[in-house]
PDB file of N, CA and C in Angstrom:
ATOM      1  N   MET A   1       0.825  -1.196   0.000  1.00  0.00           N
ATOM      2  CA  MET A   1       0.000   0.000   0.000  1.00  0.00           C
ATOM      3  C   MET A   1       0.868   1.259   0.000  1.00  0.00           C
ATOM      4  N   THR A   2       1.935   1.289   0.807  1.00  0.00           N
ATOM      5  CA  THR A   2       2.718   2.517   0.940  1.00  0.00           C
ATOM      6  C   THR A   2       3.532   2.838  -0.312  1.00  0.00           C
ATOM      7  N   ASP A   3       3.836   1.848  -1.153  1.00  0.00           N
ATOM      8  CA  ASP A   3       4.538   2.145  -2.404  1.00  0.00           C
ATOM      9  C   ASP A   3       3.704   3.055  -3.304  1.00  0.00           C
ATOM     10  N   GLN A   4       2.397   3.003  -3.169  1.00  0.00           N
ATOM     11  CA  GLN A   4       1.510   3.871  -3.957  1.00  0.00           C
ATOM     12  C   GLN A   4       1.603   5.325  -3.514  1.00  0.00           C
ATOM     13  N   TRP A   5       2.191   5.565  -2.365  1.00  0.00           N
ATOM     14  CA  TRP A   5       2.313   6.921  -1.847  1.00  0.00           C
ATOM     15  C   TRP A   5       3.539   7.660  -2.378  1.00  0.00           C
ATOM     16  N   VAL A   6       4.416   6.963  -3.083  1.00  0.00           N
ATOM     17  CA  VAL A   6       5.631   7.595  -3.606  1.00  0.00           C
ATOM     18  C   VAL A   6       5.238   8.755  -4.522  1.00  0.00           C
ATOM     19  N   GLY A   7       5.909   9.889  -4.349  1.00  0.00           N
ATOM     20  CA  GLY A   7       5.635  11.076  -5.151  1.00  0.00           C
ATOM     21  C   GLY A   7       5.415  12.290  -4.266  1.00  0.00           C
ATOM     22  N   ARG A   8       4.893  13.342  -4.874  1.00  0.00           N
ATOM     23  CA  ARG A   8       4.713  14.630  -4.186  1.00  0.00           C
ATOM     24  C   ARG A   8       3.278  14.791  -3.703  1.00  0.00           C
ATOM     25  N   TRP A   9       3.166  15.280  -2.487  1.00  0.00           N
ATOM     26  CA  TRP A   9       1.893  15.587  -1.842  1.00  0.00           C
ATOM     27  C   TRP A   9       1.951  17.049  -1.403  1.00  0.00           C
ATOM     28  N   VAL A  10       0.834  17.743  -1.461  1.00  0.00           N
ATOM     29  CA  VAL A  10       0.813  19.179  -1.181  1.00  0.00           C
ATOM     30  C   VAL A  10      -0.047  19.481   0.040  1.00  0.00           C
ATOM     31  N   GLY A  11       0.494  20.328   0.900  1.00  0.00           N
ATOM     32  CA  GLY A  11      -0.253  20.801   2.063  1.00  0.00           C
ATOM     33  C   GLY A  11      -0.753  22.211   1.805  1.00  0.00           C
ATOM     34  N   VAL A  12      -0.939  22.983   2.847  1.00  0.00           N
ATOM     35  CA  VAL A  12      -1.384  24.371   2.721  1.00  0.00           C
ATOM     36  C   VAL A  12      -0.196  25.303   2.936  1.00  0.00           C
ATOM     37  N   GLU A  13      -0.293  26.512   2.418  1.00  0.00           N
ATOM     38  CA  GLU A  13       0.690  27.570   2.640  1.00  0.00           C
ATOM     39  C   GLU A  13       2.127  27.144   2.339  1.00  0.00           C
ATOM     40  N   GLY A  14       2.310  26.377   1.262  1.00  0.00           N
ATOM     41  CA  GLY A  14       3.651  25.985   0.844  1.00  0.00           C
ATOM     42  C   GLY A  14       4.194  24.718   1.479  1.00  0.00           C
ATOM     43  N   LEU A  15       3.430  24.077   2.335  1.00  0.00           N
ATOM     44  CA  LEU A  15       3.882  22.828   2.938  1.00  0.00           C
ATOM     45  C   LEU A  15       3.816  21.713   1.903  1.00  0.00           C
ATOM     46  N   PHE A  16       4.728  20.752   1.999  1.00  0.00           N
ATOM     47  CA  PHE A  16       4.745  19.648   1.040  1.00  0.00           C
ATOM     48  C   PHE A  16       5.379  18.422   1.660  1.00  0.00           C
ATOM     49  N   LEU A  17       5.159  17.300   0.994  1.00  0.00           N
ATOM     50  CA  LEU A  17       5.746  16.024   1.378  1.00  0.00           C
ATOM     51  C   LEU A  17       6.138  15.312   0.092  1.00  0.00           C
ATOM     52  N   GLU A  18       7.398  14.895  -0.005  1.00  0.00           N
ATOM     53  CA  GLU A  18       7.876  14.117  -1.140  1.00  0.00           C
ATOM     54  C   GLU A  18       8.363  12.779  -0.602  1.00  0.00           C
ATOM     55  N   ILE A  19       7.747  11.707  -1.079  1.00  0.00           N
ATOM     56  CA  ILE A  19       8.099  10.364  -0.625  1.00  0.00           C
ATOM     57  C   ILE A  19       8.841   9.649  -1.741  1.00  0.00           C
ATOM     58  N   SER A  20       9.984   9.066  -1.406  1.00  0.00           N
ATOM     59  CA  SER A  20      10.727   8.249  -2.366  1.00  0.00           C
ATOM     60  C   SER A  20      11.146   6.958  -1.672  1.00  0.00           C
ATOM     61  N   LYS A  21      11.348   5.929  -2.471  1.00  0.00           N
ATOM     62  CA  LYS A  21      11.810   4.660  -1.917  1.00  0.00           C
ATOM     63  C   LYS A  21      13.274   4.810  -1.523  1.00  0.00           C
ATOM     64  N   ASP A  22      13.640   4.210  -0.422  1.00  0.00           N
ATOM     65  CA  ASP A  22      15.027   4.182   0.026  1.00  0.00           C
ATOM     66  C   ASP A  22      15.587   2.822  -0.396  1.00  0.00           C
ATOM     67  N   GLU A  23      15.964   2.723  -1.666  1.00  0.00           N
ATOM     68  CA  GLU A  23      16.397   1.451  -2.262  1.00  0.00           C
ATOM     69  C   GLU A  23      17.519   0.760  -1.489  1.00  0.00           C
ATOM     70  N   PRO A  24      18.574   1.487  -1.072  1.00  0.00           N
ATOM     71  CA  PRO A  24      19.649   0.811  -0.337  1.00  0.00           C
ATOM     72  C   PRO A  24      19.179   0.166   0.971  1.00  0.00           C
ATOM     73  N   ALA A  25      18.158   0.739   1.594  1.00  0.00           N
ATOM     74  CA  ALA A  25      17.668   0.209   2.868  1.00  0.00           C
ATOM     75  C   ALA A  25      16.748  -0.997   2.674  1.00  0.00           C
ATOM     76  N   GLY A  26      16.228  -1.172   1.460  1.00  0.00           N
ATOM     77  CA  GLY A  26      15.396  -2.330   1.179  1.00  0.00           C
ATOM     78  C   GLY A  26      13.911  -2.024   1.107  1.00  0.00           C
ATOM     79  N   PRO A  27      13.117  -3.050   0.785  1.00  0.00           N
ATOM     80  CA  PRO A  27      11.660  -2.876   0.651  1.00  0.00           C
ATOM     81  C   PRO A  27      11.030  -2.341   1.937  1.00  0.00           C
ATOM     82  N   GLY A  28      10.058  -1.463   1.765  1.00  0.00           N
ATOM     83  CA  GLY A  28       9.344  -0.915   2.911  1.00  0.00           C
ATOM     84  C   GLY A  28      10.047   0.233   3.601  1.00  0.00           C
ATOM     85  N   HIS A  29      11.153   0.709   3.011  1.00  0.00           N
ATOM     86  CA  HIS A  29      11.883   1.847   3.574  1.00  0.00           C
ATOM     87  C   HIS A  29      11.747   3.042   2.631  1.00  0.00           C
ATOM     88  N   TYR A  30      11.564   4.211   3.224  1.00  0.00           N
ATOM     89  CA  TYR A  30      11.291   5.423   2.448  1.00  0.00           C
ATOM     90  C   TYR A  30      12.100   6.599   2.962  1.00  0.00           C
ATOM     91  N   ARG A  31      12.233   7.600   2.095  1.00  0.00           N
ATOM     92  CA  ARG A  31      12.795   8.900   2.465  1.00  0.00           C
ATOM     93  C   ARG A  31      11.633   9.883   2.365  1.00  0.00           C
ATOM     94  N   LEU A  32      11.403  10.622   3.418  1.00  0.00           N
ATOM     95  CA  LEU A  32      10.327  11.604   3.477  1.00  0.00           C
ATOM     96  C   LEU A  32      10.947  12.992   3.532  1.00  0.00           C
ATOM     97  N   HIS A  33      10.890  13.704   2.420  1.00  0.00           N
ATOM     98  CA  HIS A  33      11.385  15.084   2.385  1.00  0.00           C
ATOM     99  C   HIS A  33      10.163  15.966   2.567  1.00  0.00           C
ATOM    100  N   MET A  34      10.176  16.783   3.614  1.00  0.00           N
ATOM    101  CA  MET A  34       8.967  17.541   3.901  1.00  0.00           C
ATOM    102  C   MET A  34       9.236  18.929   4.458  1.00  0.00           C
ATOM    103  N   ARG A  35       8.357  19.839   4.078  1.00  0.00           N
ATOM    104  CA  ARG A  35       8.236  21.136   4.757  1.00  0.00           C
ATOM    105  C   ARG A  35       6.962  20.982   5.574  1.00  0.00           C
ATOM    106  N   TYR A  36       7.128  20.878   6.882  1.00  0.00           N
ATOM    107  CA  TYR A  36       6.011  20.561   7.760  1.00  0.00           C
ATOM    108  C   TYR A  36       5.577  21.725   8.645  1.00  0.00           C
ATOM    109  N   GLY A  37       6.182  22.876   8.440  1.00  0.00           N
ATOM    110  CA  GLY A  37       5.812  24.075   9.189  1.00  0.00           C
ATOM    111  C   GLY A  37       6.292  25.309   8.461  1.00  0.00           C
ATOM    112  N   LEU A  38       5.875  26.453   8.926  1.00  0.00           N
ATOM    113  CA  LEU A  38       6.211  27.705   8.247  1.00  0.00           C
ATOM    114  C   LEU A  38       7.551  28.286   8.658  1.00  0.00           C
ATOM    115  N   ASP A  39       8.117  27.813   9.763  1.00  0.00           N
ATOM    116  CA  ASP A  39       9.429  28.312  10.188  1.00  0.00           C
ATOM    117  C   ASP A  39      10.510  27.787   9.244  1.00  0.00           C
ATOM    118  N   SER A  40      11.582  28.542   9.088  1.00  0.00           N
ATOM    119  CA  SER A  40      12.637  28.189   8.136  1.00  0.00           C
ATOM    120  C   SER A  40      13.325  26.865   8.461  1.00  0.00           C
ATOM    121  N   ASP A  41      13.297  26.458   9.724  1.00  0.00           N
ATOM    122  CA  ASP A  41      13.951  25.201  10.091  1.00  0.00           C
ATOM    123  C   ASP A  41      12.993  24.002  10.048  1.00  0.00           C
ATOM    124  N   GLN A  42      11.786  24.206   9.583  1.00  0.00           N
ATOM    125  CA  GLN A  42      10.813  23.111   9.537  1.00  0.00           C
ATOM    126  C   GLN A  42      10.743  22.483   8.151  1.00  0.00           C
ATOM    127  N   ILE A  43      11.903  22.175   7.612  1.00  0.00           N
ATOM    128  CA  ILE A  43      12.031  21.433   6.370  1.00  0.00           C
ATOM    129  C   ILE A  43      13.198  20.468   6.569  1.00  0.00           C
ATOM    130  N   ASP A  44      12.977  19.204   6.245  1.00  0.00           N
ATOM    131  CA  ASP A  44      14.018  18.210   6.483  1.00  0.00           C
ATOM    132  C   ASP A  44      13.647  16.924   5.759  1.00  0.00           C
ATOM    133  N   THR A  45      14.560  15.964   5.795  1.00  0.00           N
ATOM    134  CA  THR A  45      14.335  14.647   5.220  1.00  0.00           C
ATOM    135  C   THR A  45      14.453  13.620   6.339  1.00  0.00           C
ATOM    136  N   PHE A  46      13.500  12.710   6.376  1.00  0.00           N
ATOM    137  CA  PHE A  46      13.429  11.709   7.440  1.00  0.00           C
ATOM    138  C   PHE A  46      13.387  10.311   6.829  1.00  0.00           C
ATOM    139  N   GLU A  47      13.905   9.347   7.573  1.00  0.00           N
ATOM    140  CA  GLU A  47      13.827   7.950   7.164  1.00  0.00           C
ATOM    141  C   GLU A  47      12.513   7.388   7.682  1.00  0.00           C
ATOM    142  N   GLY A  48      11.787   6.697   6.798  1.00  0.00           N
ATOM    143  CA  GLY A  48      10.520   6.105   7.193  1.00  0.00           C
ATOM    144  C   GLY A  48      10.482   4.622   6.909  1.00  0.00           C
ATOM    145  N   GLN A  49       9.626   3.922   7.640  1.00  0.00           N
ATOM    146  CA  GLN A  49       9.477   2.491   7.451  1.00  0.00           C
ATOM    147  C   GLN A  49       7.995   2.138   7.433  1.00  0.00           C
ATOM    148  N   ALA A  50       7.636   1.282   6.476  1.00  0.00           N
ATOM    149  CA  ALA A  50       6.247   0.849   6.358  1.00  0.00           C
ATOM    150  C   ALA A  50       5.827   0.047   7.584  1.00  0.00           C
ATOM    151  N   THR A  51       4.596   0.290   8.027  1.00  0.00           N
ATOM    152  CA  THR A  51       3.977  -0.484   9.105  1.00  0.00           C
ATOM    153  C   THR A  51       2.582  -0.869   8.622  1.00  0.00           C
ATOM    154  N   ALA A  52       1.861  -1.603   9.410  1.00  0.00           N
ATOM    155  CA  ALA A  52       0.492  -1.979   9.050  1.00  0.00           C
ATOM    156  C   ALA A  52      -0.420  -0.756   8.959  1.00  0.00           C
ATOM    157  N   GLU A  53      -0.087   0.316   9.678  1.00  0.00           N
ATOM    158  CA  GLU A  53      -0.924   1.514   9.709  1.00  0.00           C
ATOM    159  C   GLU A  53      -0.492   2.598   8.727  1.00  0.00           C
ATOM    160  N   GLY A  54       0.744   2.558   8.214  1.00  0.00           N
ATOM    161  CA  GLY A  54       1.238   3.609   7.327  1.00  0.00           C
ATOM    162  C   GLY A  54       2.746   3.601   7.257  1.00  0.00           C
ATOM    163  N   ILE A  55       3.360   4.780   7.387  1.00  0.00           N
ATOM    164  CA  ILE A  55       4.817   4.910   7.403  1.00  0.00           C
ATOM    165  C   ILE A  55       5.211   5.592   8.711  1.00  0.00           C
ATOM    166  N   SER A  56       6.029   4.918   9.501  1.00  0.00           N
ATOM    167  CA  SER A  56       6.501   5.511  10.755  1.00  0.00           C
ATOM    168  C   SER A  56       7.827   6.217  10.500  1.00  0.00           C
ATOM    169  N   PHE A  57       8.039   7.322  11.214  1.00  0.00           N
ATOM    170  CA  PHE A  57       9.286   8.076  11.122  1.00  0.00           C
ATOM    171  C   PHE A  57       9.465   8.858  12.415  1.00  0.00           C
ATOM    172  N   ASN A  58      10.678   9.320  12.644  1.00  0.00           N
ATOM    173  CA  ASN A  58      10.982  10.116  13.832  1.00  0.00           C
ATOM    174  C   ASN A  58      11.284  11.549  13.433  1.00  0.00           C
ATOM    175  N   ARG A  59      10.736  12.457  14.193  1.00  0.00           N
ATOM    176  CA  ARG A  59      10.945  13.892  14.010  1.00  0.00           C
ATOM    177  C   ARG A  59      11.002  14.480  15.409  1.00  0.00           C
ATOM    178  N   GLU A  60      11.503  15.708  15.549  1.00  0.00           N
ATOM    179  CA  GLU A  60      11.534  16.284  16.898  1.00  0.00           C
ATOM    180  C   GLU A  60      10.145  16.120  17.508  1.00  0.00           C
ATOM    181  N   GLY A  61      10.121  15.792  18.743  1.00  0.00           N
ATOM    182  CA  GLY A  61       8.854  15.495  19.382  1.00  0.00           C
ATOM    183  C   GLY A  61       8.581  14.000  19.452  1.00  0.00           C
ATOM    184  N   GLY A  62       9.428  13.191  18.772  1.00  0.00           N
ATOM    185  CA  GLY A  62       9.295  11.747  18.882  1.00  0.00           C
ATOM    186  C   GLY A  62       8.743  11.061  17.657  1.00  0.00           C
ATOM    187  N   PRO A  63       8.304   9.817  17.824  1.00  0.00           N
ATOM    188  CA  PRO A  63       7.817   9.016  16.708  1.00  0.00           C
ATOM    189  C   PRO A  63       6.549   9.608  16.093  1.00  0.00           C
ATOM    190  N   GLN A  64       6.460   9.530  14.788  1.00  0.00           N
ATOM    191  CA  GLN A  64       5.306  10.024  14.037  1.00  0.00           C
ATOM    192  C   GLN A  64       4.792   8.897  13.151  1.00  0.00           C
ATOM    193  N   LEU A  65       3.530   8.996  12.726  1.00  0.00           N
ATOM    194  CA  LEU A  65       2.957   8.023  11.814  1.00  0.00           C
ATOM    195  C   LEU A  65       2.234   8.751  10.699  1.00  0.00           C
ATOM    196  N   LEU A  66       2.631   8.473   9.477  1.00  0.00           N
ATOM    197  CA  LEU A  66       1.983   9.012   8.289  1.00  0.00           C
ATOM    198  C   LEU A  66       0.956   7.980   7.855  1.00  0.00           C
ATOM    199  N   ARG A  67      -0.314   8.377   7.795  1.00  0.00           N
ATOM    200  CA  ARG A  67      -1.368   7.420   7.476  1.00  0.00           C
ATOM    201  C   ARG A  67      -2.311   7.986   6.417  1.00  0.00           C
ATOM    202  N   ALA A  68      -2.998   7.104   5.736  1.00  0.00           N
ATOM    203  CA  ALA A  68      -3.946   7.505   4.696  1.00  0.00           C
ATOM    204  C   ALA A  68      -5.178   8.141   5.334  1.00  0.00           C
ATOM    205  N   GLY A  69      -5.734   9.115   4.637  1.00  0.00           N
ATOM    206  CA  GLY A  69      -6.949   9.772   5.109  1.00  0.00           C
ATOM    207  C   GLY A  69      -7.559  10.588   3.992  1.00  0.00           C
ATOM    208  N   ASP A  70      -8.479  11.443   4.361  1.00  0.00           N
ATOM    209  CA  ASP A  70      -9.086  12.352   3.396  1.00  0.00           C
ATOM    210  C   ASP A  70      -8.931  13.776   3.918  1.00  0.00           C
ATOM    211  N   GLY A  71      -9.465  14.727   3.171  1.00  0.00           N
ATOM    212  CA  GLY A  71      -9.333  16.122   3.568  1.00  0.00           C
ATOM    213  C   GLY A  71      -9.894  16.418   4.939  1.00  0.00           C
ATOM    214  N   GLU A  72     -10.987  15.767   5.285  1.00  0.00           N
ATOM    215  CA  GLU A  72     -11.577  15.975   6.601  1.00  0.00           C
ATOM    216  C   GLU A  72     -10.633  15.500   7.704  1.00  0.00           C
ATOM    217  N   ALA A  73      -9.924  14.401   7.461  1.00  0.00           N
ATOM    218  CA  ALA A  73      -8.998  13.865   8.459  1.00  0.00           C
ATOM    219  C   ALA A  73      -7.819  14.795   8.723  1.00  0.00           C
ATOM    220  N   THR A  74      -7.493  15.677   7.756  1.00  0.00           N
ATOM    221  CA  THR A  74      -6.389  16.609   7.968  1.00  0.00           C
ATOM    222  C   THR A  74      -6.749  17.676   8.995  1.00  0.00           C
ATOM    223  N   GLY A  75      -8.040  17.946   9.144  1.00  0.00           N
ATOM    224  CA  GLY A  75      -8.487  18.981  10.061  1.00  0.00           C
ATOM    225  C   GLY A  75      -8.282  20.386   9.530  1.00  0.00           C
ATOM    226  N   MET A  76      -8.010  20.504   8.222  1.00  0.00           N
ATOM    227  CA  MET A  76      -7.769  21.820   7.629  1.00  0.00           C
ATOM    228  C   MET A  76      -8.855  22.136   6.609  1.00  0.00           C
ATOM    229  N   LYS A  77      -9.506  23.291   6.778  1.00  0.00           N
ATOM    230  CA  LYS A  77     -10.640  23.638   5.923  1.00  0.00           C
ATOM    231  C   LYS A  77     -10.249  23.756   4.457  1.00  0.00           C
ATOM    232  N   TRP A  78      -8.999  24.092   4.170  1.00  0.00           N
ATOM    233  CA  TRP A  78      -8.564  24.261   2.780  1.00  0.00           C
ATOM    234  C   TRP A  78      -8.466  22.926   2.052  1.00  0.00           C
ATOM    235  N   LEU A  79      -8.409  21.840   2.788  1.00  0.00           N
ATOM    236  CA  LEU A  79      -8.271  20.509   2.179  1.00  0.00           C
ATOM    237  C   LEU A  79      -9.532  19.659   2.330  1.00  0.00           C
ATOM    238  N   LEU A  80     -10.603  20.211   2.870  1.00  0.00           N
ATOM    239  CA  LEU A  80     -11.806  19.428   3.168  1.00  0.00           C
ATOM    240  C   LEU A  80     -12.347  18.640   1.978  1.00  0.00           C
ATOM    241  N   GLU A  81     -12.263  19.190   0.788  1.00  0.00           N
ATOM    242  CA  GLU A  81     -12.844  18.549  -0.393  1.00  0.00           C
ATOM    243  C   GLU A  81     -11.946  17.459  -0.985  1.00  0.00           C
ATOM    244  N   LYS A  82     -10.729  17.350  -0.515  1.00  0.00           N
ATOM    245  CA  LYS A  82      -9.784  16.366  -1.057  1.00  0.00           C
ATOM    246  C   LYS A  82     -10.125  14.961  -0.564  1.00  0.00           C
ATOM    247  N   GLU A  83      -9.842  13.979  -1.406  1.00  0.00           N
ATOM    248  CA  GLU A  83     -10.146  12.594  -1.042  1.00  0.00           C
ATOM    249  C   GLU A  83      -8.907  11.737  -0.832  1.00  0.00           C
ATOM    250  N   ASP A  84      -7.778  12.128  -1.436  1.00  0.00           N
ATOM    251  CA  ASP A  84      -6.557  11.324  -1.389  1.00  0.00           C
ATOM    252  C   ASP A  84      -5.501  12.087  -0.604  1.00  0.00           C
ATOM    253  N   CYS A  85      -5.398  11.803   0.692  1.00  0.00           N
ATOM    254  CA  CYS A  85      -4.500  12.554   1.568  1.00  0.00           C
ATOM    255  C   CYS A  85      -3.687  11.631   2.465  1.00  0.00           C
ATOM    256  N   LEU A  86      -2.599  12.173   2.967  1.00  0.00           N
ATOM    257  CA  LEU A  86      -1.788  11.529   3.994  1.00  0.00           C
ATOM    258  C   LEU A  86      -1.757  12.469   5.191  1.00  0.00           C
ATOM    259  N   VAL A  87      -1.939  11.917   6.370  1.00  0.00           N
ATOM    260  CA  VAL A  87      -2.081  12.724   7.575  1.00  0.00           C
ATOM    261  C   VAL A  87      -1.034  12.296   8.607  1.00  0.00           C
ATOM    262  N   VAL A  88      -0.352  13.270   9.181  1.00  0.00           N
ATOM    263  CA  VAL A  88       0.552  13.022  10.302  1.00  0.00           C
ATOM    264  C   VAL A  88      -0.227  13.210  11.603  1.00  0.00           C
ATOM    265  N   ALA A  89      -0.954  14.304  11.697  1.00  0.00           N
ATOM    266  CA  ALA A  89      -1.774  14.619  12.862  1.00  0.00           C
ATOM    267  C   ALA A  89      -2.813  15.640  12.430  1.00  0.00           C
ATOM    268  N   THR A  90      -3.837  15.829  13.233  1.00  0.00           N
ATOM    269  CA  THR A  90      -4.819  16.861  12.922  1.00  0.00           C
ATOM    270  C   THR A  90      -4.086  18.189  12.792  1.00  0.00           C
ATOM    271  N   GLY A  91      -4.273  18.848  11.662  1.00  0.00           N
ATOM    272  CA  GLY A  91      -3.573  20.098  11.398  1.00  0.00           C
ATOM    273  C   GLY A  91      -2.321  19.926  10.561  1.00  0.00           C
ATOM    274  N   GLU A  92      -1.958  18.686  10.252  1.00  0.00           N
ATOM    275  CA  GLU A  92      -0.818  18.429   9.357  1.00  0.00           C
ATOM    276  C   GLU A  92      -1.180  17.306   8.392  1.00  0.00           C
ATOM    277  N   GLY A  93      -1.480  17.696   7.177  1.00  0.00           N
ATOM    278  CA  GLY A  93      -1.826  16.723   6.159  1.00  0.00           C
ATOM    279  C   GLY A  93      -1.394  17.207   4.790  1.00  0.00           C
ATOM    280  N   TYR A  94      -1.289  16.275   3.867  1.00  0.00           N
ATOM    281  CA  TYR A  94      -0.820  16.536   2.519  1.00  0.00           C
ATOM    282  C   TYR A  94      -1.727  15.756   1.573  1.00  0.00           C
ATOM    283  N   CYS A  95      -2.135  16.366   0.460  1.00  0.00           N
ATOM    284  CA  CYS A  95      -3.096  15.716  -0.436  1.00  0.00           C
ATOM    285  C   CYS A  95      -2.630  15.768  -1.882  1.00  0.00           C
ATOM    286  N   ARG A  96      -3.261  14.882  -2.668  1.00  0.00           N
ATOM    287  CA  ARG A  96      -3.103  14.894  -4.122  1.00  0.00           C
ATOM    288  C   ARG A  96      -4.467  15.208  -4.712  1.00  0.00           C
ATOM    289  N   ASP A  97      -4.452  15.808  -5.890  1.00  0.00           N
ATOM    290  CA  ASP A  97      -5.737  16.092  -6.565  1.00  0.00           C
ATOM    291  C   ASP A  97      -6.302  14.847  -7.196  1.00  0.00           C
TER     292      ASP A  97
END
């Protein structure tokens, strides 16, 4: 399921998520390049691993889980109409058209 998530996802106000396979690490491993906040230091690349629920990764604040959802699950009014989204937490989501 998570291999289908490879590519670019768009958030609000310039936020984005780019998922690529981490081939050297093997199947089920990903690189998550993301701008996850508006501050200049809130852009980075993280190592992720597929789980039954989505892709787990670590970021300041501890373990995170990227999971499938829709615009409503993002908790952001600008994405409400979207159907194909990935959500880290309420208020942080990325969608495709």
